[in-house]
Amino acid sequence: MNTNSIYDRPDSRAKQLSHALDYVISDNTVGNIVDPDRLGAIGWSMGGGGALKLASTRSNVRAIMPLAPYYDRSYGEVTTPTFIISCEYDVIAANNKYTNLFYKQATGPKMKIEVNNASHLCPSYRLNEKLLSKPSIAWMQRHINGDTRFDQFLCGREDYSISPRISNYDYADCP
């Protein structure tokens, strides 16, 4: 979904994400194939902050992926499984100010991958698609659908830190 404005703050983006989920659930075309109890959210930058806020306020969101997340206020407690993708040299959502704090504060299952030598745009950079797609799909499948076949691609079972394109990899409380 697009935001109302590129200047929308994370709280507004969380509301917009929630409205988008409600729309999909109630839509005449696809609503009948959407399980309202198996929802997830992905957001980049302030949208990542919006995903964090959404997870702290909406209990039927089973997994989130904040990408280079930015949020400059308190968003509440996040117990939702959270996979954060960050960028080593992000000057907009700096890791030491945002991502590392968000990761530390998350109390549910969590995993973090930091892309080596990368700017704020790293989650959308074409060459990172292959690098990030396996853990991303596995995370959402495992936590939204409860599909344990994807455990082999997560956490300690797959060592993403061996890639020279990953500068930091951490996981905690994973299945």
N, C-alpha and C. Protein backbone atom coordinates (compact mmCIF):
# COMPACT_ATOMS: atom_id res chain seq x y z
N MET A 1 0.84 -1.17 0.00
CA MET A 1 0.00 0.00 0.00
C MET A 1 0.88 1.23 0.00
N ASN A 2 0.38 2.28 -0.54
CA ASN A 2 1.07 3.56 -0.47
C ASN A 2 0.50 4.35 0.70
N THR A 3 1.29 5.23 1.24
CA THR A 3 0.80 6.07 2.32
C THR A 3 0.05 7.26 1.73
N ASN A 4 -0.66 7.97 2.59
CA ASN A 4 -1.36 9.17 2.13
C ASN A 4 -0.36 10.21 1.66
N SER A 5 0.81 10.26 2.33
CA SER A 5 1.86 11.22 2.00
C SER A 5 3.20 10.63 2.41
N ILE A 6 4.26 10.97 1.71
CA ILE A 6 5.58 10.47 2.10
C ILE A 6 6.01 11.03 3.44
N TYR A 7 5.31 12.04 3.91
CA TYR A 7 5.65 12.66 5.20
C TYR A 7 4.85 12.07 6.36
N ASP A 8 3.99 11.09 6.08
CA ASP A 8 3.21 10.47 7.16
C ASP A 8 4.16 9.82 8.17
N ARG A 9 3.93 10.10 9.43
CA ARG A 9 4.75 9.58 10.51
C ARG A 9 4.38 8.12 10.80
N PRO A 10 5.20 7.39 11.52
CA PRO A 10 4.93 5.98 11.79
C PRO A 10 3.57 5.69 12.44
N ASP A 11 3.10 6.55 13.34
CA ASP A 11 1.77 6.30 13.95
C ASP A 11 0.68 6.32 12.88
N SER A 12 0.75 7.28 11.96
CA SER A 12 -0.21 7.34 10.88
C SER A 12 -0.07 6.13 9.97
N ARG A 13 1.14 5.72 9.70
CA ARG A 13 1.37 4.57 8.83
C ARG A 13 0.83 3.29 9.48
N ALA A 14 0.94 3.17 10.80
CA ALA A 14 0.37 2.01 11.49
C ALA A 14 -1.14 1.97 11.30
N LYS A 15 -1.78 3.11 11.43
CA LYS A 15 -3.24 3.17 11.21
C LYS A 15 -3.58 2.82 9.78
N GLN A 16 -2.78 3.31 8.84
CA GLN A 16 -3.03 3.01 7.43
C GLN A 16 -2.81 1.52 7.14
N LEU A 17 -1.77 0.93 7.74
CA LEU A 17 -1.55 -0.52 7.60
C LEU A 17 -2.75 -1.29 8.14
N SER A 18 -3.24 -0.88 9.29
CA SER A 18 -4.38 -1.55 9.90
C SER A 18 -5.62 -1.43 9.02
N HIS A 19 -5.85 -0.23 8.47
CA HIS A 19 -6.99 -0.05 7.56
C HIS A 19 -6.81 -0.88 6.29
N ALA A 20 -5.59 -1.00 5.79
CA ALA A 20 -5.34 -1.81 4.60
C ALA A 20 -5.64 -3.28 4.89
N LEU A 21 -5.24 -3.77 6.06
CA LEU A 21 -5.56 -5.15 6.43
C LEU A 21 -7.07 -5.34 6.52
N ASP A 22 -7.75 -4.41 7.15
CA ASP A 22 -9.22 -4.49 7.25
C ASP A 22 -9.87 -4.49 5.87
N TYR A 23 -9.33 -3.68 4.97
CA TYR A 23 -9.87 -3.61 3.61
C TYR A 23 -9.72 -4.96 2.90
N VAL A 24 -8.53 -5.55 2.99
CA VAL A 24 -8.29 -6.83 2.33
C VAL A 24 -9.21 -7.91 2.91
N ILE A 25 -9.37 -7.91 4.22
CA ILE A 25 -10.24 -8.90 4.88
C ILE A 25 -11.68 -8.77 4.40
N SER A 26 -12.15 -7.56 4.20
CA SER A 26 -13.55 -7.34 3.83
C SER A 26 -13.79 -7.21 2.33
N ASP A 27 -12.74 -7.22 1.54
CA ASP A 27 -12.87 -7.04 0.10
C ASP A 27 -13.67 -8.17 -0.54
N ASN A 28 -14.57 -7.83 -1.45
CA ASN A 28 -15.42 -8.83 -2.11
C ASN A 28 -14.64 -9.78 -3.01
N THR A 29 -13.50 -9.34 -3.51
CA THR A 29 -12.72 -10.16 -4.44
C THR A 29 -11.83 -11.16 -3.71
N VAL A 30 -11.11 -10.72 -2.69
CA VAL A 30 -10.15 -11.62 -2.03
C VAL A 30 -10.46 -11.90 -0.56
N GLY A 31 -11.39 -11.18 0.01
CA GLY A 31 -11.68 -11.32 1.43
C GLY A 31 -12.03 -12.73 1.87
N ASN A 32 -12.67 -13.50 0.97
CA ASN A 32 -13.06 -14.86 1.34
C ASN A 32 -11.88 -15.83 1.41
N ILE A 33 -10.71 -15.45 0.91
CA ILE A 33 -9.55 -16.34 1.00
C ILE A 33 -8.50 -15.82 1.99
N VAL A 34 -8.81 -14.73 2.67
CA VAL A 34 -7.90 -14.15 3.66
C VAL A 34 -8.34 -14.59 5.06
N ASP A 35 -7.41 -15.16 5.79
CA ASP A 35 -7.68 -15.56 7.17
C ASP A 35 -7.37 -14.36 8.07
N PRO A 36 -8.38 -13.77 8.70
CA PRO A 36 -8.15 -12.57 9.52
C PRO A 36 -7.33 -12.83 10.77
N ASP A 37 -7.07 -14.09 11.06
CA ASP A 37 -6.24 -14.42 12.22
C ASP A 37 -4.81 -14.77 11.83
N ARG A 38 -4.49 -14.63 10.55
CA ARG A 38 -3.12 -14.91 10.08
C ARG A 38 -2.66 -13.75 9.21
N LEU A 39 -2.30 -12.65 9.88
CA LEU A 39 -1.89 -11.45 9.18
C LEU A 39 -0.45 -11.11 9.48
N GLY A 40 0.19 -10.43 8.56
CA GLY A 40 1.55 -9.96 8.75
C GLY A 40 1.69 -8.58 8.15
N ALA A 41 2.78 -7.91 8.48
CA ALA A 41 3.02 -6.57 7.95
C ALA A 41 4.52 -6.38 7.72
N ILE A 42 4.81 -5.71 6.64
CA ILE A 42 6.18 -5.34 6.29
C ILE A 42 6.16 -3.84 6.01
N GLY A 43 7.17 -3.13 6.50
CA GLY A 43 7.25 -1.71 6.22
C GLY A 43 8.69 -1.27 6.16
N TRP A 44 8.96 -0.28 5.33
CA TRP A 44 10.32 0.23 5.18
C TRP A 44 10.38 1.66 5.73
N SER A 45 11.43 1.95 6.47
CA SER A 45 11.70 3.27 7.04
C SER A 45 10.59 3.66 8.01
N MET A 46 9.86 4.73 7.74
CA MET A 46 8.76 5.07 8.65
C MET A 46 7.65 4.03 8.59
N GLY A 47 7.57 3.31 7.48
CA GLY A 47 6.64 2.19 7.39
C GLY A 47 7.08 1.04 8.29
N GLY A 48 8.40 0.89 8.47
CA GLY A 48 8.90 -0.10 9.43
C GLY A 48 8.53 0.28 10.84
N GLY A 49 8.60 1.58 11.14
CA GLY A 49 8.12 2.07 12.43
C GLY A 49 6.63 1.84 12.57
N GLY A 50 5.90 2.02 11.47
CA GLY A 50 4.47 1.75 11.46
C GLY A 50 4.16 0.28 11.73
N ALA A 51 4.98 -0.62 11.18
CA ALA A 51 4.79 -2.06 11.44
C ALA A 51 5.02 -2.37 12.92
N LEU A 52 6.04 -1.74 13.53
CA LEU A 52 6.28 -1.92 14.97
C LEU A 52 5.08 -1.44 15.78
N LYS A 53 4.57 -0.26 15.45
CA LYS A 53 3.40 0.28 16.16
C LYS A 53 2.18 -0.61 15.95
N LEU A 54 1.96 -1.06 14.73
CA LEU A 54 0.84 -1.93 14.43
C LEU A 54 0.90 -3.20 15.27
N ALA A 55 2.09 -3.79 15.37
CA ALA A 55 2.24 -5.03 16.14
C ALA A 55 1.97 -4.82 17.62
N SER A 56 2.19 -3.61 18.10
CA SER A 56 1.95 -3.35 19.52
C SER A 56 0.47 -3.05 19.81
N THR A 57 -0.32 -2.86 18.77
CA THR A 57 -1.72 -2.48 18.96
C THR A 57 -2.73 -3.45 18.36
N ARG A 58 -2.29 -4.35 17.50
CA ARG A 58 -3.23 -5.24 16.82
C ARG A 58 -2.81 -6.69 17.04
N SER A 59 -3.59 -7.42 17.81
CA SER A 59 -3.19 -8.76 18.26
C SER A 59 -3.25 -9.82 17.17
N ASN A 60 -3.99 -9.61 16.10
CA ASN A 60 -4.06 -10.66 15.08
C ASN A 60 -2.96 -10.53 14.02
N VAL A 61 -2.00 -9.65 14.23
CA VAL A 61 -0.82 -9.59 13.37
C VAL A 61 0.19 -10.58 13.94
N ARG A 62 0.47 -11.63 13.17
CA ARG A 62 1.30 -12.73 13.68
C ARG A 62 2.80 -12.55 13.46
N ALA A 63 3.19 -11.69 12.52
CA ALA A 63 4.61 -11.49 12.24
C ALA A 63 4.80 -10.15 11.54
N ILE A 64 5.95 -9.52 11.82
CA ILE A 64 6.27 -8.26 11.15
C ILE A 64 7.71 -8.29 10.67
N MET A 65 7.96 -7.46 9.66
CA MET A 65 9.31 -7.26 9.14
C MET A 65 9.54 -5.77 8.95
N PRO A 66 10.09 -5.10 9.96
CA PRO A 66 10.49 -3.71 9.78
C PRO A 66 11.81 -3.66 9.00
N LEU A 67 11.81 -2.95 7.90
CA LEU A 67 13.00 -2.83 7.05
C LEU A 67 13.59 -1.44 7.26
N ALA A 68 14.83 -1.38 7.73
CA ALA A 68 15.47 -0.10 8.04
C ALA A 68 14.49 0.80 8.80
N PRO A 69 13.95 0.30 9.91
CA PRO A 69 12.85 1.00 10.58
C PRO A 69 13.26 2.30 11.25
N TYR A 70 12.35 3.25 11.15
CA TYR A 70 12.52 4.55 11.79
C TYR A 70 11.28 4.81 12.64
N TYR A 71 11.51 5.13 13.90
CA TYR A 71 10.41 5.50 14.81
C TYR A 71 11.03 6.28 15.94
N ASP A 72 10.61 7.52 16.11
CA ASP A 72 11.27 8.38 17.08
C ASP A 72 10.44 8.62 18.34
N ARG A 73 9.44 7.76 18.57
CA ARG A 73 8.63 7.83 19.79
C ARG A 73 8.48 6.44 20.36
N SER A 74 7.82 6.32 21.47
CA SER A 74 7.57 5.01 22.04
C SER A 74 6.37 4.38 21.33
N TYR A 75 6.55 3.18 20.83
CA TYR A 75 5.47 2.52 20.10
C TYR A 75 4.79 1.45 20.94
N GLY A 76 5.28 1.19 22.14
CA GLY A 76 4.68 0.17 22.99
C GLY A 76 5.45 -1.14 22.94
N GLU A 77 4.91 -2.15 23.58
CA GLU A 77 5.59 -3.45 23.65
C GLU A 77 5.25 -4.29 22.42
N VAL A 78 6.29 -4.90 21.84
CA VAL A 78 6.10 -5.77 20.68
C VAL A 78 6.47 -7.19 21.09
N THR A 79 5.45 -8.04 21.17
CA THR A 79 5.66 -9.46 21.43
C THR A 79 5.52 -10.29 20.16
N THR A 80 5.06 -9.65 19.12
CA THR A 80 4.88 -10.27 17.81
C THR A 80 6.24 -10.68 17.25
N PRO A 81 6.36 -11.87 16.64
CA PRO A 81 7.61 -12.25 16.01
C PRO A 81 8.09 -11.16 15.04
N THR A 82 9.33 -10.71 15.25
CA THR A 82 9.86 -9.55 14.55
C THR A 82 11.19 -9.89 13.87
N PHE A 83 11.24 -9.72 12.57
CA PHE A 83 12.47 -9.90 11.79
C PHE A 83 12.85 -8.54 11.24
N ILE A 84 13.95 -7.99 11.75
CA ILE A 84 14.40 -6.66 11.35
C ILE A 84 15.54 -6.78 10.34
N ILE A 85 15.41 -6.05 9.26
CA ILE A 85 16.50 -5.94 8.29
C ILE A 85 17.02 -4.51 8.38
N SER A 86 18.31 -4.39 8.61
CA SER A 86 18.91 -3.07 8.74
C SER A 86 20.08 -2.93 7.77
N CYS A 87 20.57 -1.71 7.66
CA CYS A 87 21.61 -1.37 6.70
C CYS A 87 22.79 -0.78 7.49
N GLU A 88 23.97 -1.33 7.31
CA GLU A 88 25.14 -0.98 8.14
C GLU A 88 25.40 0.52 8.21
N TYR A 89 25.35 1.22 7.09
CA TYR A 89 25.69 2.65 7.08
C TYR A 89 24.45 3.52 6.85
N ASP A 90 23.37 3.16 7.48
CA ASP A 90 22.12 3.91 7.37
C ASP A 90 22.23 5.19 8.19
N VAL A 91 22.17 6.34 7.54
CA VAL A 91 22.24 7.62 8.27
C VAL A 91 20.84 8.16 8.59
N ILE A 92 19.81 7.60 8.00
CA ILE A 92 18.44 8.04 8.26
C ILE A 92 17.86 7.30 9.46
N ALA A 93 17.97 5.99 9.45
CA ALA A 93 17.51 5.16 10.57
C ALA A 93 18.73 4.42 11.13
N ALA A 94 19.62 5.19 11.72
CA ALA A 94 20.90 4.65 12.19
C ALA A 94 20.70 3.48 13.16
N ASN A 95 21.49 2.45 12.97
CA ASN A 95 21.36 1.25 13.79
C ASN A 95 21.54 1.51 15.28
N ASN A 96 22.52 2.31 15.63
CA ASN A 96 22.77 2.55 17.06
C ASN A 96 21.67 3.37 17.71
N LYS A 97 20.88 4.08 16.93
CA LYS A 97 19.80 4.90 17.48
C LYS A 97 18.44 4.23 17.35
N TYR A 98 18.23 3.43 16.33
CA TYR A 98 16.92 2.86 16.06
C TYR A 98 16.92 1.32 16.06
N THR A 99 17.46 0.73 15.01
CA THR A 99 17.32 -0.71 14.82
C THR A 99 17.78 -1.53 16.01
N ASN A 100 18.96 -1.25 16.53
CA ASN A 100 19.46 -2.04 17.65
C ASN A 100 18.58 -1.90 18.88
N LEU A 101 18.05 -0.70 19.11
CA LEU A 101 17.13 -0.48 20.23
C LEU A 101 15.82 -1.23 20.01
N PHE A 102 15.27 -1.16 18.79
CA PHE A 102 14.03 -1.88 18.49
C PHE A 102 14.21 -3.38 18.70
N TYR A 103 15.34 -3.89 18.24
CA TYR A 103 15.62 -5.32 18.37
C TYR A 103 15.73 -5.70 19.85
N LYS A 104 16.44 -4.91 20.60
CA LYS A 104 16.61 -5.20 22.02
C LYS A 104 15.27 -5.17 22.76
N GLN A 105 14.39 -4.25 22.40
CA GLN A 105 13.11 -4.09 23.09
C GLN A 105 12.08 -5.15 22.71
N ALA A 106 12.21 -5.77 21.55
CA ALA A 106 11.24 -6.78 21.13
C ALA A 106 11.31 -7.97 22.09
N THR A 107 10.16 -8.40 22.58
CA THR A 107 10.14 -9.45 23.59
C THR A 107 9.70 -10.81 23.05
N GLY A 108 9.24 -10.85 21.82
CA GLY A 108 8.84 -12.12 21.22
C GLY A 108 10.00 -12.71 20.42
N PRO A 109 9.73 -13.76 19.65
CA PRO A 109 10.77 -14.29 18.75
C PRO A 109 11.27 -13.17 17.85
N LYS A 110 12.59 -13.15 17.65
CA LYS A 110 13.15 -12.06 16.86
C LYS A 110 14.42 -12.49 16.15
N MET A 111 14.66 -11.84 15.03
CA MET A 111 15.86 -12.09 14.24
C MET A 111 16.23 -10.77 13.56
N LYS A 112 17.53 -10.57 13.37
CA LYS A 112 18.00 -9.34 12.73
C LYS A 112 19.13 -9.68 11.76
N ILE A 113 19.06 -9.09 10.58
CA ILE A 113 20.13 -9.17 9.60
C ILE A 113 20.50 -7.74 9.21
N GLU A 114 21.79 -7.44 9.28
CA GLU A 114 22.29 -6.13 8.87
C GLU A 114 23.10 -6.32 7.60
N VAL A 115 22.73 -5.59 6.55
CA VAL A 115 23.40 -5.69 5.26
C VAL A 115 24.69 -4.87 5.30
N ASN A 116 25.79 -5.51 4.93
CA ASN A 116 27.13 -4.93 4.96
C ASN A 116 27.26 -3.74 4.00
N ASN A 117 27.92 -2.70 4.49
CA ASN A 117 28.30 -1.56 3.66
C ASN A 117 27.11 -1.00 2.87
N ALA A 118 25.98 -0.84 3.55
CA ALA A 118 24.76 -0.46 2.85
C ALA A 118 24.11 0.79 3.44
N SER A 119 23.40 1.50 2.59
CA SER A 119 22.68 2.70 2.99
C SER A 119 21.23 2.36 3.35
N HIS A 120 20.46 3.39 3.65
CA HIS A 120 19.07 3.25 4.05
C HIS A 120 18.22 2.50 3.01
N LEU A 121 18.66 2.49 1.79
CA LEU A 121 17.90 1.85 0.72
C LEU A 121 18.17 0.37 0.57
N CYS A 122 19.00 -0.20 1.43
CA CYS A 122 19.44 -1.59 1.23
C CYS A 122 18.32 -2.62 1.11
N PRO A 123 17.20 -2.51 1.82
CA PRO A 123 16.18 -3.55 1.65
C PRO A 123 15.56 -3.58 0.25
N SER A 124 15.60 -2.46 -0.45
CA SER A 124 14.99 -2.41 -1.78
C SER A 124 16.02 -2.51 -2.90
N TYR A 125 17.29 -2.61 -2.54
CA TYR A 125 18.33 -2.69 -3.56
C TYR A 125 18.25 -4.05 -4.26
N ARG A 126 18.23 -4.04 -5.56
CA ARG A 126 18.00 -5.24 -6.37
C ARG A 126 18.92 -6.41 -6.01
N LEU A 127 20.19 -6.16 -5.78
CA LEU A 127 21.12 -7.25 -5.49
C LEU A 127 20.89 -7.88 -4.12
N ASN A 128 20.15 -7.21 -3.25
CA ASN A 128 19.86 -7.78 -1.94
C ASN A 128 18.61 -8.64 -1.93
N GLU A 129 17.86 -8.65 -3.02
CA GLU A 129 16.64 -9.45 -3.07
C GLU A 129 16.92 -10.92 -2.79
N LYS A 130 17.91 -11.48 -3.47
CA LYS A 130 18.22 -12.89 -3.28
C LYS A 130 18.76 -13.13 -1.87
N LEU A 131 19.58 -12.24 -1.39
CA LEU A 131 20.17 -12.35 -0.06
C LEU A 131 19.09 -12.37 1.02
N LEU A 132 18.09 -11.54 0.88
CA LEU A 132 17.08 -11.36 1.94
C LEU A 132 15.81 -12.17 1.73
N SER A 133 15.58 -12.68 0.54
CA SER A 133 14.30 -13.34 0.28
C SER A 133 14.13 -14.64 1.05
N LYS A 134 15.16 -15.47 1.15
CA LYS A 134 15.01 -16.74 1.86
C LYS A 134 14.64 -16.55 3.32
N PRO A 135 15.39 -15.75 4.09
CA PRO A 135 14.98 -15.59 5.50
C PRO A 135 13.65 -14.86 5.65
N SER A 136 13.34 -13.94 4.74
CA SER A 136 12.09 -13.19 4.83
C SER A 136 10.88 -14.08 4.61
N ILE A 137 10.92 -14.86 3.55
CA ILE A 137 9.80 -15.77 3.27
C ILE A 137 9.69 -16.80 4.38
N ALA A 138 10.82 -17.34 4.81
CA ALA A 138 10.80 -18.34 5.89
C ALA A 138 10.20 -17.77 7.16
N TRP A 139 10.57 -16.53 7.50
CA TRP A 139 10.05 -15.89 8.73
C TRP A 139 8.53 -15.78 8.68
N MET A 140 8.03 -15.26 7.58
CA MET A 140 6.59 -15.05 7.48
C MET A 140 5.84 -16.39 7.43
N GLN A 141 6.35 -17.34 6.69
CA GLN A 141 5.70 -18.66 6.63
C GLN A 141 5.68 -19.33 8.01
N ARG A 142 6.80 -19.24 8.70
CA ARG A 142 6.89 -19.89 10.02
C ARG A 142 5.94 -19.26 11.02
N HIS A 143 5.91 -17.94 11.05
CA HIS A 143 5.16 -17.28 12.11
C HIS A 143 3.71 -16.93 11.75
N ILE A 144 3.42 -16.73 10.50
CA ILE A 144 2.02 -16.47 10.13
C ILE A 144 1.26 -17.78 9.97
N ASN A 145 1.87 -18.74 9.30
CA ASN A 145 1.20 -20.00 9.03
C ASN A 145 1.56 -21.12 10.01
N GLY A 146 2.55 -20.87 10.87
CA GLY A 146 2.97 -21.91 11.80
C GLY A 146 3.64 -23.09 11.11
N ASP A 147 4.20 -22.86 9.94
CA ASP A 147 4.79 -23.93 9.13
C ASP A 147 6.22 -24.20 9.58
N THR A 148 6.40 -25.26 10.35
CA THR A 148 7.71 -25.58 10.93
C THR A 148 8.72 -26.07 9.89
N ARG A 149 8.28 -26.37 8.68
CA ARG A 149 9.24 -26.76 7.64
C ARG A 149 10.22 -25.63 7.34
N PHE A 150 9.84 -24.41 7.67
CA PHE A 150 10.69 -23.26 7.38
C PHE A 150 11.70 -22.97 8.49
N ASP A 151 11.63 -23.72 9.59
CA ASP A 151 12.61 -23.54 10.67
C ASP A 151 14.03 -23.73 10.18
N GLN A 152 14.23 -24.61 9.21
CA GLN A 152 15.57 -24.89 8.71
C GLN A 152 16.24 -23.67 8.07
N PHE A 153 15.47 -22.66 7.73
CA PHE A 153 16.02 -21.46 7.12
C PHE A 153 16.12 -20.29 8.08
N LEU A 154 15.86 -20.54 9.34
CA LEU A 154 15.82 -19.47 10.33
C LEU A 154 16.82 -19.69 11.45
N CYS A 155 17.16 -18.60 12.05
CA CYS A 155 17.89 -18.57 13.32
C CYS A 155 19.16 -19.39 13.26
N GLY A 156 19.43 -20.16 14.27
CA GLY A 156 20.68 -20.88 14.35
C GLY A 156 20.82 -22.01 13.36
N ARG A 157 19.75 -22.36 12.68
CA ARG A 157 19.80 -23.46 11.73
C ARG A 157 20.43 -23.05 10.40
N GLU A 158 20.43 -21.78 10.11
CA GLU A 158 21.03 -21.24 8.89
C GLU A 158 21.91 -20.07 9.32
N ASP A 159 23.19 -20.14 9.05
CA ASP A 159 24.10 -19.10 9.51
C ASP A 159 24.30 -18.04 8.43
N TYR A 160 23.48 -17.02 8.49
CA TYR A 160 23.57 -15.94 7.51
C TYR A 160 24.82 -15.10 7.70
N SER A 161 25.44 -15.19 8.85
CA SER A 161 26.63 -14.37 9.12
C SER A 161 27.82 -14.77 8.26
N ILE A 162 27.79 -15.94 7.64
CA ILE A 162 28.94 -16.34 6.81
C ILE A 162 28.98 -15.60 5.48
N SER A 163 27.91 -14.95 5.11
CA SER A 163 27.89 -14.18 3.86
C SER A 163 28.69 -12.89 4.05
N PRO A 164 29.58 -12.57 3.10
CA PRO A 164 30.33 -11.31 3.20
C PRO A 164 29.42 -10.08 3.05
N ARG A 165 28.20 -10.28 2.60
CA ARG A 165 27.26 -9.17 2.44
C ARG A 165 26.45 -8.91 3.71
N ILE A 166 26.69 -9.71 4.76
CA ILE A 166 26.01 -9.52 6.04
C ILE A 166 27.04 -9.05 7.06
N SER A 167 26.80 -7.90 7.66
CA SER A 167 27.75 -7.37 8.66
C SER A 167 27.34 -7.71 10.08
N ASN A 168 26.08 -8.04 10.30
CA ASN A 168 25.63 -8.40 11.64
C ASN A 168 24.40 -9.30 11.49
N TYR A 169 24.41 -10.38 12.26
CA TYR A 169 23.30 -11.31 12.23
C TYR A 169 23.05 -11.74 13.66
N ASP A 170 21.81 -11.67 14.08
CA ASP A 170 21.49 -12.05 15.46
C ASP A 170 20.09 -12.65 15.47
N TYR A 171 19.88 -13.51 16.40
CA TYR A 171 18.55 -14.09 16.60
C TYR A 171 18.38 -14.37 18.07
N ALA A 172 17.15 -14.37 18.49
CA ALA A 172 16.83 -14.67 19.89
C ALA A 172 15.44 -15.28 19.96
N ASP A 173 15.29 -16.25 20.82
CA ASP A 173 13.98 -16.86 21.07
C ASP A 173 13.31 -17.36 19.80
N CYS A 174 14.09 -17.85 18.87
CA CYS A 174 13.50 -18.37 17.66
C CYS A 174 13.11 -19.83 17.85
N PRO A 175 12.21 -20.32 16.99
CA PRO A 175 11.79 -21.73 17.11
C PRO A 175 12.93 -22.66 16.78
